[in-house]
């Protein structure tokens, strides 16, 4: 179902909106982040940021921005694999 999720970029330190730390999608009470395994899976990141007042900015983004991040994460994962020889 289109429009089911709300998407958020988590930005901290040297991260930017164009290259965030990670992206979280929310559906009701369920939060998932796009992992280096290139899958969406459950996370507590946004709850921890709220509870611990972590130094991350949470910015609402579009579904298109989230899809762009999936490509960024795939590139990051490939770079790590190449660097680590695997």
N, C-alpha and C. Protein backbone atom coordinates (compact mmCIF):
# COMPACT_ATOMS: atom_id res chain seq x y z
N UNK A 1 0.84 -1.17 0.00
CA UNK A 1 0.00 0.00 0.00
C UNK A 1 0.89 1.24 0.00
N UNK A 2 0.72 2.08 -0.98
CA UNK A 2 1.53 3.29 -1.10
C UNK A 2 1.20 4.25 0.03
N UNK A 3 2.23 4.95 0.51
CA UNK A 3 2.03 5.92 1.56
C UNK A 3 1.85 5.33 2.94
N UNK A 4 2.10 4.06 3.10
CA UNK A 4 1.93 3.37 4.37
C UNK A 4 2.95 3.85 5.41
N UNK A 5 4.14 4.14 5.00
CA UNK A 5 5.23 4.48 5.91
C UNK A 5 5.49 5.97 5.96
N UNK A 6 6.03 6.40 7.10
CA UNK A 6 6.64 7.72 7.23
C UNK A 6 8.14 7.46 7.33
N UNK A 7 8.94 8.28 6.65
CA UNK A 7 10.38 8.06 6.58
C UNK A 7 11.12 9.22 7.25
N UNK A 8 12.24 8.87 7.93
CA UNK A 8 13.04 9.86 8.63
C UNK A 8 14.52 9.59 8.40
N UNK A 9 15.26 10.64 8.12
CA UNK A 9 16.72 10.55 8.03
C UNK A 9 17.28 10.89 9.40
N UNK A 10 18.25 10.12 9.86
CA UNK A 10 18.95 10.39 11.11
C UNK A 10 20.30 10.98 10.76
N UNK A 11 20.54 12.19 11.25
CA UNK A 11 21.74 12.93 10.88
C UNK A 11 22.49 13.33 12.16
N UNK A 12 23.76 13.01 12.19
CA UNK A 12 24.58 13.38 13.34
C UNK A 12 26.03 13.52 12.91
N UNK A 13 26.79 14.28 13.67
CA UNK A 13 28.21 14.42 13.37
C UNK A 13 28.45 14.98 11.99
N UNK A 14 29.13 14.20 11.16
CA UNK A 14 29.48 14.64 9.80
C UNK A 14 28.43 14.24 8.76
N UNK A 15 27.33 13.62 9.19
CA UNK A 15 26.29 13.20 8.27
C UNK A 15 25.56 14.41 7.69
N UNK A 16 24.97 14.20 6.52
CA UNK A 16 24.18 15.24 5.88
C UNK A 16 22.85 14.65 5.46
N UNK A 17 21.93 15.50 5.08
CA UNK A 17 20.65 15.02 4.59
C UNK A 17 20.83 14.19 3.32
N UNK A 18 21.82 14.54 2.51
CA UNK A 18 22.10 13.79 1.29
C UNK A 18 22.81 12.47 1.58
N UNK A 19 23.45 12.37 2.73
CA UNK A 19 24.20 11.16 3.11
C UNK A 19 24.03 10.95 4.63
N UNK A 20 22.80 10.55 5.05
CA UNK A 20 22.51 10.43 6.48
C UNK A 20 23.16 9.21 7.12
N UNK A 21 23.18 9.22 8.44
CA UNK A 21 23.65 8.06 9.20
C UNK A 21 22.82 6.84 8.81
N UNK A 22 21.51 6.98 8.86
CA UNK A 22 20.61 5.92 8.42
C UNK A 22 19.24 6.52 8.16
N UNK A 23 18.35 5.69 7.66
CA UNK A 23 16.97 6.09 7.43
C UNK A 23 16.08 5.11 8.19
N UNK A 24 15.07 5.67 8.84
CA UNK A 24 14.10 4.86 9.58
C UNK A 24 12.74 5.07 8.95
N UNK A 25 12.00 3.96 8.81
CA UNK A 25 10.62 4.08 8.37
C UNK A 25 9.73 3.64 9.52
N UNK A 26 8.58 4.29 9.62
CA UNK A 26 7.67 4.06 10.74
C UNK A 26 6.29 3.74 10.18
N UNK A 27 5.70 2.68 10.74
CA UNK A 27 4.32 2.29 10.42
C UNK A 27 3.65 2.02 11.76
N UNK A 28 2.86 2.98 12.23
CA UNK A 28 2.25 2.85 13.55
C UNK A 28 3.33 2.87 14.61
N UNK A 29 3.41 1.80 15.40
CA UNK A 29 4.43 1.69 16.45
C UNK A 29 5.67 0.94 15.99
N UNK A 30 5.68 0.48 14.76
CA UNK A 30 6.80 -0.31 14.25
C UNK A 30 7.81 0.60 13.55
N UNK A 31 9.06 0.53 14.02
CA UNK A 31 10.15 1.28 13.42
C UNK A 31 11.13 0.29 12.79
N UNK A 32 11.56 0.59 11.56
CA UNK A 32 12.55 -0.23 10.87
C UNK A 32 13.61 0.69 10.28
N UNK A 33 14.86 0.22 10.28
CA UNK A 33 15.91 0.97 9.60
C UNK A 33 16.47 0.10 8.48
N UNK A 34 17.07 0.79 7.49
CA UNK A 34 17.65 0.07 6.36
C UNK A 34 19.09 -0.27 6.72
N UNK A 35 19.34 -1.54 6.92
CA UNK A 35 20.61 -2.03 7.47
C UNK A 35 21.66 -2.26 6.38
N UNK A 36 22.92 -2.41 6.79
CA UNK A 36 23.98 -2.76 5.83
C UNK A 36 23.75 -4.12 5.16
N UNK A 37 22.84 -4.93 5.71
CA UNK A 37 22.47 -6.20 5.06
C UNK A 37 21.53 -5.94 3.89
N UNK A 38 21.20 -4.65 3.67
CA UNK A 38 20.33 -4.18 2.59
C UNK A 38 18.90 -4.68 2.74
N UNK A 39 18.47 -4.73 4.01
CA UNK A 39 17.10 -5.11 4.35
C UNK A 39 16.56 -4.13 5.38
N UNK A 40 15.26 -3.95 5.37
CA UNK A 40 14.60 -3.19 6.42
C UNK A 40 14.37 -4.14 7.58
N UNK A 41 14.77 -3.73 8.79
CA UNK A 41 14.50 -4.56 9.96
C UNK A 41 14.24 -3.70 11.17
N UNK A 42 13.59 -4.31 12.15
CA UNK A 42 13.16 -3.59 13.36
C UNK A 42 14.33 -2.86 14.00
N UNK A 43 14.01 -1.70 14.57
CA UNK A 43 15.01 -0.90 15.25
C UNK A 43 14.36 -0.15 16.39
N UNK A 44 15.15 0.30 17.31
CA UNK A 44 14.71 1.16 18.41
C UNK A 44 15.41 2.51 18.33
N UNK A 45 16.03 2.82 17.20
CA UNK A 45 16.85 4.02 17.08
C UNK A 45 16.10 5.30 17.45
N UNK A 46 14.94 5.50 16.90
CA UNK A 46 14.23 6.76 17.15
C UNK A 46 13.78 6.83 18.61
N UNK A 47 13.35 5.72 19.16
CA UNK A 47 12.97 5.71 20.58
C UNK A 47 14.18 6.03 21.45
N UNK A 48 15.33 5.44 21.12
CA UNK A 48 16.54 5.71 21.91
C UNK A 48 16.94 7.17 21.79
N UNK A 49 16.81 7.74 20.61
CA UNK A 49 17.15 9.16 20.43
C UNK A 49 16.26 10.01 21.32
N UNK A 50 14.97 9.71 21.34
CA UNK A 50 14.05 10.47 22.19
C UNK A 50 14.36 10.27 23.67
N UNK A 51 14.62 9.04 24.08
CA UNK A 51 14.87 8.74 25.49
C UNK A 51 16.20 9.30 25.96
N UNK A 52 17.23 9.09 25.16
CA UNK A 52 18.60 9.42 25.58
C UNK A 52 19.05 10.80 25.13
N UNK A 53 18.21 11.47 24.35
CA UNK A 53 18.57 12.79 23.82
C UNK A 53 19.89 12.71 23.05
N UNK A 54 20.02 11.65 22.28
CA UNK A 54 21.24 11.44 21.49
C UNK A 54 21.44 12.61 20.52
N UNK A 55 22.66 12.78 20.10
CA UNK A 55 23.02 13.90 19.22
C UNK A 55 22.73 13.60 17.75
N UNK A 56 21.51 13.25 17.47
CA UNK A 56 21.07 13.04 16.10
C UNK A 56 19.89 13.95 15.83
N UNK A 57 19.87 14.50 14.64
CA UNK A 57 18.71 15.25 14.19
C UNK A 57 17.84 14.29 13.40
N UNK A 58 16.55 14.32 13.64
CA UNK A 58 15.61 13.47 12.93
C UNK A 58 14.84 14.36 11.96
N UNK A 59 14.96 14.05 10.65
CA UNK A 59 14.35 14.88 9.61
C UNK A 59 13.41 14.03 8.78
N UNK A 60 12.15 14.44 8.69
CA UNK A 60 11.19 13.71 7.87
C UNK A 60 11.58 13.85 6.40
N UNK A 61 11.55 12.72 5.68
CA UNK A 61 11.91 12.71 4.26
C UNK A 61 10.83 11.98 3.46
N UNK A 62 10.93 12.05 2.17
CA UNK A 62 9.96 11.39 1.29
C UNK A 62 10.35 9.94 1.04
N UNK A 63 9.42 9.19 0.49
CA UNK A 63 9.70 7.81 0.11
C UNK A 63 10.81 7.77 -0.95
N UNK A 64 10.81 8.74 -1.85
CA UNK A 64 11.85 8.80 -2.89
C UNK A 64 13.22 9.00 -2.25
N UNK A 65 13.29 9.86 -1.23
CA UNK A 65 14.56 10.06 -0.52
C UNK A 65 15.00 8.77 0.16
N UNK A 66 14.05 8.03 0.72
CA UNK A 66 14.38 6.76 1.37
C UNK A 66 14.92 5.76 0.35
N UNK A 67 14.34 5.72 -0.83
CA UNK A 67 14.83 4.82 -1.88
C UNK A 67 16.23 5.22 -2.33
N UNK A 68 16.48 6.52 -2.37
CA UNK A 68 17.83 6.99 -2.70
C UNK A 68 18.82 6.52 -1.64
N UNK A 69 18.41 6.55 -0.36
CA UNK A 69 19.29 6.08 0.70
C UNK A 69 19.58 4.58 0.55
N UNK A 70 18.61 3.80 0.09
CA UNK A 70 18.87 2.38 -0.13
C UNK A 70 20.05 2.20 -1.08
N UNK A 71 20.14 3.03 -2.09
CA UNK A 71 21.26 2.97 -3.03
C UNK A 71 22.56 3.41 -2.36
N UNK A 72 22.47 4.44 -1.52
CA UNK A 72 23.66 4.89 -0.78
C UNK A 72 24.15 3.78 0.13
N UNK A 73 23.25 3.12 0.84
CA UNK A 73 23.63 2.04 1.75
C UNK A 73 24.23 0.86 0.97
N UNK A 74 23.69 0.55 -0.19
CA UNK A 74 24.24 -0.52 -1.02
C UNK A 74 25.67 -0.17 -1.44
N UNK A 75 25.90 1.09 -1.80
CA UNK A 75 27.25 1.53 -2.18
C UNK A 75 28.20 1.44 -0.99
N UNK A 76 27.76 1.88 0.18
CA UNK A 76 28.58 1.78 1.39
C UNK A 76 28.96 0.32 1.68
N UNK A 77 27.98 -0.56 1.58
CA UNK A 77 28.21 -1.98 1.86
C UNK A 77 29.21 -2.55 0.87
N UNK A 78 29.08 -2.20 -0.39
CA UNK A 78 30.02 -2.69 -1.41
C UNK A 78 31.43 -2.17 -1.14
N UNK A 79 31.54 -0.90 -0.77
CA UNK A 79 32.86 -0.33 -0.47
C UNK A 79 33.52 -1.05 0.71
N UNK A 80 32.74 -1.39 1.71
CA UNK A 80 33.28 -2.11 2.87
C UNK A 80 33.72 -3.51 2.46
N UNK A 81 32.91 -4.17 1.67
CA UNK A 81 33.28 -5.52 1.19
C UNK A 81 34.57 -5.50 0.39
N UNK A 82 34.70 -4.51 -0.49
CA UNK A 82 35.91 -4.40 -1.30
C UNK A 82 37.11 -4.10 -0.42
N UNK A 83 36.94 -3.20 0.53
CA UNK A 83 38.03 -2.84 1.44
C UNK A 83 38.47 -4.04 2.27
N UNK A 84 37.49 -4.82 2.75
CA UNK A 84 37.79 -5.94 3.62
C UNK A 84 38.08 -7.24 2.87
N UNK A 85 38.04 -7.17 1.53
CA UNK A 85 38.37 -8.34 0.72
C UNK A 85 37.29 -9.42 0.70
N UNK A 86 36.05 -9.03 0.94
CA UNK A 86 35.02 -10.05 0.98
C UNK A 86 33.84 -9.70 0.22
